[in-house]
PDB file of N, CA and C in Angstrom:
ATOM      1  N   MET A   1       0.749  -1.184   0.052  1.00  0.00           N
ATOM      2  CA  MET A   1       0.011  -0.009  -0.027  1.00  0.00           C
ATOM      3  C   MET A   1       0.938   1.253   0.003  1.00  0.00           C
ATOM      4  N   SER A   2       0.382   2.204  -0.661  1.00  0.00           N
ATOM      5  CA  SER A   2       1.139   3.506  -0.642  1.00  0.00           C
ATOM      6  C   SER A   2       0.945   4.239   0.637  1.00  0.00           C
ATOM      7  N   SER A   3       1.873   5.003   1.101  1.00  0.00           N
ATOM      8  CA  SER A   3       1.774   5.637   2.275  1.00  0.00           C
ATOM      9  C   SER A   3       1.042   7.066   2.207  1.00  0.00           C
ATOM     10  N   ASP A   4       0.681   7.370   0.880  1.00  0.00           N
ATOM     11  CA  ASP A   4       0.003   8.607   0.585  1.00  0.00           C
ATOM     12  C   ASP A   4      -1.469   8.501   1.024  1.00  0.00           C
ATOM     13  N   LEU A   5      -1.947   9.412   1.939  1.00  0.00           N
ATOM     14  CA  LEU A   5      -3.218   9.357   2.409  1.00  0.00           C
ATOM     15  C   LEU A   5      -4.145  10.440   1.686  1.00  0.00           C
ATOM     16  N   VAL A   6      -5.302  10.107   1.355  1.00  0.00           N
ATOM     17  CA  VAL A   6      -6.255  11.013   0.723  1.00  0.00           C
ATOM     18  C   VAL A   6      -7.292  11.168   1.604  1.00  0.00           C
ATOM     19  N   TRP A   7      -7.721  12.247   2.150  1.00  0.00           N
ATOM     20  CA  TRP A   7      -8.760  12.594   3.043  1.00  0.00           C
ATOM     21  C   TRP A   7      -9.982  13.072   2.329  1.00  0.00           C
ATOM     22  N   PHE A   8     -11.028  12.489   2.762  1.00  0.00           N
ATOM     23  CA  PHE A   8     -12.437  12.827   2.184  1.00  0.00           C
ATOM     24  C   PHE A   8     -13.222  13.407   3.347  1.00  0.00           C
ATOM     25  N   LYS A   9     -13.896  14.556   3.117  1.00  0.00           N
ATOM     26  CA  LYS A   9     -14.645  15.171   4.162  1.00  0.00           C
ATOM     27  C   LYS A   9     -16.195  14.574   3.959  1.00  0.00           C
ATOM     28  N   SER A  10     -16.843  14.403   5.023  1.00  0.00           N
ATOM     29  CA  SER A  10     -18.274  13.841   4.986  1.00  0.00           C
ATOM     30  C   SER A  10     -19.083  14.768   4.133  1.00  0.00           C
ATOM     31  N   SER A  11     -20.015  14.231   3.391  1.00  0.00           N
ATOM     32  CA  SER A  11     -20.906  15.065   2.610  1.00  0.00           C
ATOM     33  C   SER A  11     -21.949  15.705   3.557  1.00  0.00           C
ATOM     34  N   TYR A  12     -22.023  15.368   4.652  1.00  0.00           N
ATOM     35  CA  TYR A  12     -22.954  15.886   5.720  1.00  0.00           C
ATOM     36  C   TYR A  12     -22.365  17.130   6.397  1.00  0.00           C
ATOM     37  N   SER A  13     -21.122  17.483   6.097  1.00  0.00           N
ATOM     38  CA  SER A  13     -20.445  18.624   6.765  1.00  0.00           C
ATOM     39  C   SER A  13     -20.787  19.870   5.873  1.00  0.00           C
ATOM     40  N   GLY A  14     -21.156  20.946   6.770  1.00  0.00           N
ATOM     41  CA  GLY A  14     -21.514  22.179   6.053  1.00  0.00           C
ATOM     42  C   GLY A  14     -20.249  22.978   5.985  1.00  0.00           C
ATOM     43  N   ASN A  15     -20.372  24.184   5.566  1.00  0.00           N
ATOM     44  CA  ASN A  15     -19.287  25.180   5.334  1.00  0.00           C
ATOM     45  C   ASN A  15     -19.052  25.844   6.684  1.00  0.00           C
ATOM     46  N   GLU A  16     -19.919  25.712   7.672  1.00  0.00           N
ATOM     47  CA  GLU A  16     -19.813  26.446   8.918  1.00  0.00           C
ATOM     48  C   GLU A  16     -18.870  25.651   9.907  1.00  0.00           C
ATOM     49  N   GLY A  17     -18.209  24.633   9.555  1.00  0.00           N
ATOM     50  CA  GLY A  17     -17.432  23.863  10.462  1.00  0.00           C
ATOM     51  C   GLY A  17     -18.257  22.794  11.130  1.00  0.00           C
ATOM     52  N   GLY A  18     -18.245  22.671  12.400  1.00  0.00           N
ATOM     53  CA  GLY A  18     -18.913  21.791  13.170  1.00  0.00           C
ATOM     54  C   GLY A  18     -18.370  20.424  13.082  1.00  0.00           C
ATOM     55  N   GLU A  19     -19.192  19.475  13.576  1.00  0.00           N
ATOM     56  CA  GLU A  19     -18.807  18.132  13.690  1.00  0.00           C
ATOM     57  C   GLU A  19     -18.635  17.399  12.200  1.00  0.00           C
ATOM     58  N   CYS A  20     -17.568  16.909  11.736  1.00  0.00           N
ATOM     59  CA  CYS A  20     -17.291  16.324  10.484  1.00  0.00           C
ATOM     60  C   CYS A  20     -16.605  14.954  10.686  1.00  0.00           C
ATOM     61  N   VAL A  21     -16.849  14.164   9.695  1.00  0.00           N
ATOM     62  CA  VAL A  21     -16.179  12.891   9.592  1.00  0.00           C
ATOM     63  C   VAL A  21     -15.226  12.802   8.394  1.00  0.00           C
ATOM     64  N   GLU A  22     -14.121  12.426   8.517  1.00  0.00           N
ATOM     65  CA  GLU A  22     -13.077  12.318   7.557  1.00  0.00           C
ATOM     66  C   GLU A  22     -12.497  10.918   7.580  1.00  0.00           C
ATOM     67  N   ILE A  23     -12.169  10.295   6.431  1.00  0.00           N
ATOM     68  CA  ILE A  23     -11.582   9.109   6.365  1.00  0.00           C
ATOM     69  C   ILE A  23     -10.346   9.081   5.282  1.00  0.00           C
ATOM     70  N   ALA A  24      -9.272   8.530   5.571  1.00  0.00           N
ATOM     71  CA  ALA A  24      -8.209   8.540   4.679  1.00  0.00           C
ATOM     72  C   ALA A  24      -7.980   7.101   4.012  1.00  0.00           C
ATOM     73  N   TRP A  25      -8.107   7.208   2.727  1.00  0.00           N
ATOM     74  CA  TRP A  25      -7.900   6.021   1.833  1.00  0.00           C
ATOM     75  C   TRP A  25      -6.594   5.995   1.256  1.00  0.00           C
ATOM     76  N   ARG A  26      -5.934   4.793   1.270  1.00  0.00           N
ATOM     77  CA  ARG A  26      -4.607   4.541   0.683  1.00  0.00           C
ATOM     78  C   ARG A  26      -4.735   3.678  -0.444  1.00  0.00           C
ATOM     79  N   LYS A  27      -4.130   4.092  -1.578  1.00  0.00           N
ATOM     80  CA  LYS A  27      -4.177   3.347  -2.783  1.00  0.00           C
ATOM     81  C   LYS A  27      -3.155   2.404  -2.762  1.00  0.00           C
ATOM     82  N   SER A  28      -3.418   1.090  -3.354  1.00  0.00           N
ATOM     83  CA  SER A  28      -2.379   0.116  -3.440  1.00  0.00           C
ATOM     84  C   SER A  28      -1.142   0.510  -4.228  1.00  0.00           C
ATOM     85  N   SER A  29       0.049   0.128  -3.596  1.00  0.00           N
ATOM     86  CA  SER A  29       1.200   0.592  -4.439  1.00  0.00           C
ATOM     87  C   SER A  29       1.406  -0.242  -5.701  1.00  0.00           C
ATOM     88  N   HIS A  30       0.637  -1.267  -5.806  1.00  0.00           N
ATOM     89  CA  HIS A  30       0.653  -2.077  -6.994  1.00  0.00           C
ATOM     90  C   HIS A  30      -0.303  -1.578  -8.131  1.00  0.00           C
ATOM     91  N   SER A  31      -0.884  -0.406  -7.913  1.00  0.00           N
ATOM     92  CA  SER A  31      -1.867   0.166  -8.812  1.00  0.00           C
ATOM     93  C   SER A  31      -1.221   0.782 -10.047  1.00  0.00           C
ATOM     94  N   GLY A  32      -0.190   1.444  -9.895  1.00  0.00           N
ATOM     95  CA  GLY A  32       0.438   2.092 -11.029  1.00  0.00           C
ATOM     96  C   GLY A  32      -0.369   3.209 -11.607  1.00  0.00           C
ATOM     97  N   ASP A  33       0.096   3.845 -12.645  1.00  0.00           N
ATOM     98  CA  ASP A  33      -0.585   4.913 -13.155  1.00  0.00           C
ATOM     99  C   ASP A  33      -1.560   4.457 -14.331  1.00  0.00           C
ATOM    100  N   GLU A  34      -1.453   3.212 -14.842  1.00  0.00           N
ATOM    101  CA  GLU A  34      -2.244   2.810 -15.916  1.00  0.00           C
ATOM    102  C   GLU A  34      -3.707   2.536 -15.567  1.00  0.00           C
ATOM    103  N   GLY A  35      -3.971   2.518 -14.303  1.00  0.00           N
ATOM    104  CA  GLY A  35      -5.418   2.295 -13.917  1.00  0.00           C
ATOM    105  C   GLY A  35      -5.767   0.902 -13.490  1.00  0.00           C
ATOM    106  N   GLY A  36      -5.283  -0.165 -14.061  1.00  0.00           N
ATOM    107  CA  GLY A  36      -5.519  -1.619 -13.752  1.00  0.00           C
ATOM    108  C   GLY A  36      -6.496  -1.907 -12.736  1.00  0.00           C
ATOM    109  N   ASN A  37      -6.335  -3.045 -12.229  1.00  0.00           N
ATOM    110  CA  ASN A  37      -7.177  -3.560 -11.020  1.00  0.00           C
ATOM    111  C   ASN A  37      -6.727  -2.966  -9.693  1.00  0.00           C
ATOM    112  N   CYS A  38      -7.411  -2.104  -9.224  1.00  0.00           N
ATOM    113  CA  CYS A  38      -6.765  -1.237  -7.983  1.00  0.00           C
ATOM    114  C   CYS A  38      -7.710  -1.346  -6.733  1.00  0.00           C
ATOM    115  N   VAL A  39      -7.188  -1.349  -5.613  1.00  0.00           N
ATOM    116  CA  VAL A  39      -7.939  -1.233  -4.473  1.00  0.00           C
ATOM    117  C   VAL A  39      -7.335  -0.120  -3.564  1.00  0.00           C
ATOM    118  N   GLU A  40      -8.246   0.340  -2.751  1.00  0.00           N
ATOM    119  CA  GLU A  40      -7.883   1.420  -1.796  1.00  0.00           C
ATOM    120  C   GLU A  40      -8.381   0.864  -0.378  1.00  0.00           C
ATOM    121  N   VAL A  41      -7.585   1.288   0.642  1.00  0.00           N
ATOM    122  CA  VAL A  41      -7.867   0.751   1.920  1.00  0.00           C
ATOM    123  C   VAL A  41      -7.942   1.935   2.955  1.00  0.00           C
ATOM    124  N   ALA A  42      -8.893   1.937   3.787  1.00  0.00           N
ATOM    125  CA  ALA A  42      -8.932   2.967   5.009  1.00  0.00           C
ATOM    126  C   ALA A  42      -9.119   2.213   6.210  1.00  0.00           C
ATOM    127  N   GLU A  43      -8.210   2.701   7.233  1.00  0.00           N
ATOM    128  CA  GLU A  43      -8.248   2.040   8.550  1.00  0.00           C
ATOM    129  C   GLU A  43      -8.790   2.878   9.582  1.00  0.00           C
ATOM    130  N   THR A  44      -9.760   2.309  10.441  1.00  0.00           N
ATOM    131  CA  THR A  44     -10.244   3.046  11.543  1.00  0.00           C
ATOM    132  C   THR A  44      -9.909   2.184  12.747  1.00  0.00           C
ATOM    133  N   THR A  45     -10.138   2.660  13.963  1.00  0.00           N
ATOM    134  CA  THR A  45      -9.820   1.916  15.078  1.00  0.00           C
ATOM    135  C   THR A  45     -10.631   0.596  15.141  1.00  0.00           C
ATOM    136  N   SER A  46     -11.747   0.494  14.613  1.00  0.00           N
ATOM    137  CA  SER A  46     -12.648  -0.647  14.743  1.00  0.00           C
ATOM    138  C   SER A  46     -12.975  -1.446  13.343  1.00  0.00           C
ATOM    139  N   ALA A  47     -12.286  -0.893  12.225  1.00  0.00           N
ATOM    140  CA  ALA A  47     -12.745  -1.568  10.958  1.00  0.00           C
ATOM    141  C   ALA A  47     -11.662  -1.207   9.941  1.00  0.00           C
ATOM    142  N   VAL A  48     -11.457  -2.030   9.011  1.00  0.00           N
ATOM    143  CA  VAL A  48     -10.690  -1.707   7.753  1.00  0.00           C
ATOM    144  C   VAL A  48     -11.630  -1.797   6.569  1.00  0.00           C
ATOM    145  N   LEU A  49     -11.677  -0.742   5.871  1.00  0.00           N
ATOM    146  CA  LEU A  49     -12.603  -0.659   4.675  1.00  0.00           C
ATOM    147  C   LEU A  49     -11.744  -0.830   3.313  1.00  0.00           C
ATOM    148  N   VAL A  50     -12.350  -1.562   2.344  1.00  0.00           N
ATOM    149  CA  VAL A  50     -11.670  -1.801   1.143  1.00  0.00           C
ATOM    150  C   VAL A  50     -12.709  -1.449   0.110  1.00  0.00           C
ATOM    151  N   ARG A  51     -12.163  -0.782  -0.999  1.00  0.00           N
ATOM    152  CA  ARG A  51     -12.989  -0.404  -2.137  1.00  0.00           C
ATOM    153  C   ARG A  51     -12.188  -0.446  -3.362  1.00  0.00           C
ATOM    154  N   ASP A  52     -12.983  -0.421  -4.527  1.00  0.00           N
ATOM    155  CA  ASP A  52     -12.375  -0.303  -5.850  1.00  0.00           C
ATOM    156  C   ASP A  52     -12.037   1.044  -6.102  1.00  0.00           C
ATOM    157  N   SER A  53     -10.815   1.409  -6.402  1.00  0.00           N
ATOM    158  CA  SER A  53     -10.250   2.695  -6.616  1.00  0.00           C
ATOM    159  C   SER A  53     -10.919   3.330  -7.885  1.00  0.00           C
ATOM    160  N   LYS A  54     -11.486   2.590  -8.807  1.00  0.00           N
ATOM    161  CA  LYS A  54     -12.082   3.066  -9.953  1.00  0.00           C
ATOM    162  C   LYS A  54     -13.526   3.451  -9.717  1.00  0.00           C
ATOM    163  N   ASP A  55     -14.177   3.005  -8.485  1.00  0.00           N
ATOM    164  CA  ASP A  55     -15.574   3.188  -8.306  1.00  0.00           C
ATOM    165  C   ASP A  55     -15.761   3.682  -6.899  1.00  0.00           C
ATOM    166  N   LYS A  56     -15.156   4.898  -6.581  1.00  0.00           N
ATOM    167  CA  LYS A  56     -15.111   5.333  -5.207  1.00  0.00           C
ATOM    168  C   LYS A  56     -16.392   5.517  -4.537  1.00  0.00           C
ATOM    169  N   SER A  57     -17.482   5.703  -5.295  1.00  0.00           N
ATOM    170  CA  SER A  57     -18.718   5.923  -4.584  1.00  0.00           C
ATOM    171  C   SER A  57     -19.498   4.488  -4.503  1.00  0.00           C
ATOM    172  N   GLY A  58     -18.834   3.559  -5.042  1.00  0.00           N
ATOM    173  CA  GLY A  58     -19.498   2.162  -5.125  1.00  0.00           C
ATOM    174  C   GLY A  58     -19.436   1.440  -3.729  1.00  0.00           C
ATOM    175  N   PRO A  59     -19.820   0.186  -3.638  1.00  0.00           N
ATOM    176  CA  PRO A  59     -19.726  -0.654  -2.493  1.00  0.00           C
ATOM    177  C   PRO A  59     -18.348  -0.731  -1.975  1.00  0.00           C
ATOM    178  N   HIS A  60     -18.312  -1.057  -0.714  1.00  0.00           N
ATOM    179  CA  HIS A  60     -16.942  -1.424  -0.065  1.00  0.00           C
ATOM    180  C   HIS A  60     -17.070  -2.512   0.822  1.00  0.00           C
ATOM    181  N   LEU A  61     -16.017  -3.258   1.163  1.00  0.00           N
ATOM    182  CA  LEU A  61     -15.913  -4.343   2.108  1.00  0.00           C
ATOM    183  C   LEU A  61     -15.529  -3.861   3.443  1.00  0.00           C
ATOM    184  N   THR A  62     -16.002  -4.387   4.421  1.00  0.00           N
ATOM    185  CA  THR A  62     -15.596  -3.985   5.872  1.00  0.00           C
ATOM    186  C   THR A  62     -14.965  -5.179   6.654  1.00  0.00           C
ATOM    187  N   PHE A  63     -13.931  -5.055   7.158  1.00  0.00           N
ATOM    188  CA  PHE A  63     -13.261  -6.155   7.879  1.00  0.00           C
ATOM    189  C   PHE A  63     -12.939  -5.695   9.354  1.00  0.00           C
ATOM    190  N   THR A  64     -12.884  -6.575  10.237  1.00  0.00           N
ATOM    191  CA  THR A  64     -12.359  -6.313  11.590  1.00  0.00           C
ATOM    192  C   THR A  64     -10.882  -6.223  11.385  1.00  0.00           C
ATOM    193  N   PRO A  65     -10.100  -5.469  12.233  1.00  0.00           N
ATOM    194  CA  PRO A  65      -8.754  -5.428  12.057  1.00  0.00           C
ATOM    195  C   PRO A  65      -8.008  -6.871  12.154  1.00  0.00           C
ATOM    196  N   ASP A  66      -8.525  -7.736  13.054  1.00  0.00           N
ATOM    197  CA  ASP A  66      -7.945  -9.047  13.128  1.00  0.00           C
ATOM    198  C   ASP A  66      -8.142  -9.844  11.849  1.00  0.00           C
ATOM    199  N   ALA A  67      -9.409  -9.744  11.232  1.00  0.00           N
ATOM    200  CA  ALA A  67      -9.697 -10.456  10.096  1.00  0.00           C
ATOM    201  C   ALA A  67      -8.801  -9.894   8.962  1.00  0.00           C
ATOM    202  N   TRP A  68      -8.501  -8.533   8.853  1.00  0.00           N
ATOM    203  CA  TRP A  68      -7.707  -7.979   7.893  1.00  0.00           C
ATOM    204  C   TRP A  68      -6.311  -8.511   7.995  1.00  0.00           C
ATOM    205  N   GLN A  69      -5.806  -8.531   9.210  1.00  0.00           N
ATOM    206  CA  GLN A  69      -4.347  -9.071   9.385  1.00  0.00           C
ATOM    207  C   GLN A  69      -4.315 -10.538   8.959  1.00  0.00           C
ATOM    208  N   SER A  70      -5.223 -11.298   9.196  1.00  0.00           N
ATOM    209  CA  SER A  70      -5.327 -12.673   8.766  1.00  0.00           C
ATOM    210  C   SER A  70      -5.369 -12.827   7.289  1.00  0.00           C
ATOM    211  N   PHE A  71      -6.150 -11.867   6.607  1.00  0.00           N
ATOM    212  CA  PHE A  71      -6.197 -11.906   5.134  1.00  0.00           C
ATOM    213  C   PHE A  71      -4.865 -11.559   4.613  1.00  0.00           C
ATOM    214  N   LEU A  72      -4.287 -10.498   5.155  1.00  0.00           N
ATOM    215  CA  LEU A  72      -2.835 -10.024   4.638  1.00  0.00           C
ATOM    216  C   LEU A  72      -1.763 -11.149   4.763  1.00  0.00           C
ATOM    217  N   ALA A  73      -1.835 -11.789   5.993  1.00  0.00           N
ATOM    218  CA  ALA A  73      -0.861 -12.957   6.232  1.00  0.00           C
ATOM    219  C   ALA A  73      -1.141 -14.067   5.132  1.00  0.00           C
ATOM    220  N   PHE A  74      -2.280 -14.380   4.915  1.00  0.00           N
ATOM    221  CA  PHE A  74      -2.687 -15.425   3.953  1.00  0.00           C
ATOM    222  C   PHE A  74      -2.117 -14.991   2.544  1.00  0.00           C
ATOM    223  N   ALA A  75      -2.549 -13.787   2.046  1.00  0.00           N
ATOM    224  CA  ALA A  75      -2.146 -13.287   0.831  1.00  0.00           C
ATOM    225  C   ALA A  75      -0.607 -13.194   0.600  1.00  0.00           C
ATOM    226  N   GLN A  76       0.102 -12.905   1.714  1.00  0.00           N
ATOM    227  CA  GLN A  76       1.539 -12.821   1.598  1.00  0.00           C
ATOM    228  C   GLN A  76       2.192 -14.132   1.549  1.00  0.00           C
ATOM    229  N   SER A  77       1.545 -15.140   2.046  1.00  0.00           N
ATOM    230  CA  SER A  77       2.116 -16.532   2.104  1.00  0.00           C
ATOM    231  C   SER A  77       1.825 -17.288   0.697  1.00  0.00           C
ATOM    232  N   ALA A  78       0.865 -16.751  -0.040  1.00  0.00           N
ATOM    233  CA  ALA A  78       0.498 -17.400  -1.363  1.00  0.00           C
ATOM    234  C   ALA A  78       1.430 -17.145  -2.392  1.00  0.00           C
TER     235      ALA A  78
END
């Protein structure tokens, strides 16, 4: 994964400030500039979110941090 974070402000946030929610998505370092099959990951304290970088408003997968670590360990061993 790339270390570059991209922050997105909640669409429910007004221009007056107030309480906002932001999340940082990291694009896979294997994505390259050609566009290929890419994923982005956002980590929170209670969940890891995964989405298609070409369809940012589309569906996403949600993992617990433990499940995500298990998946990464399995993927790296394959």
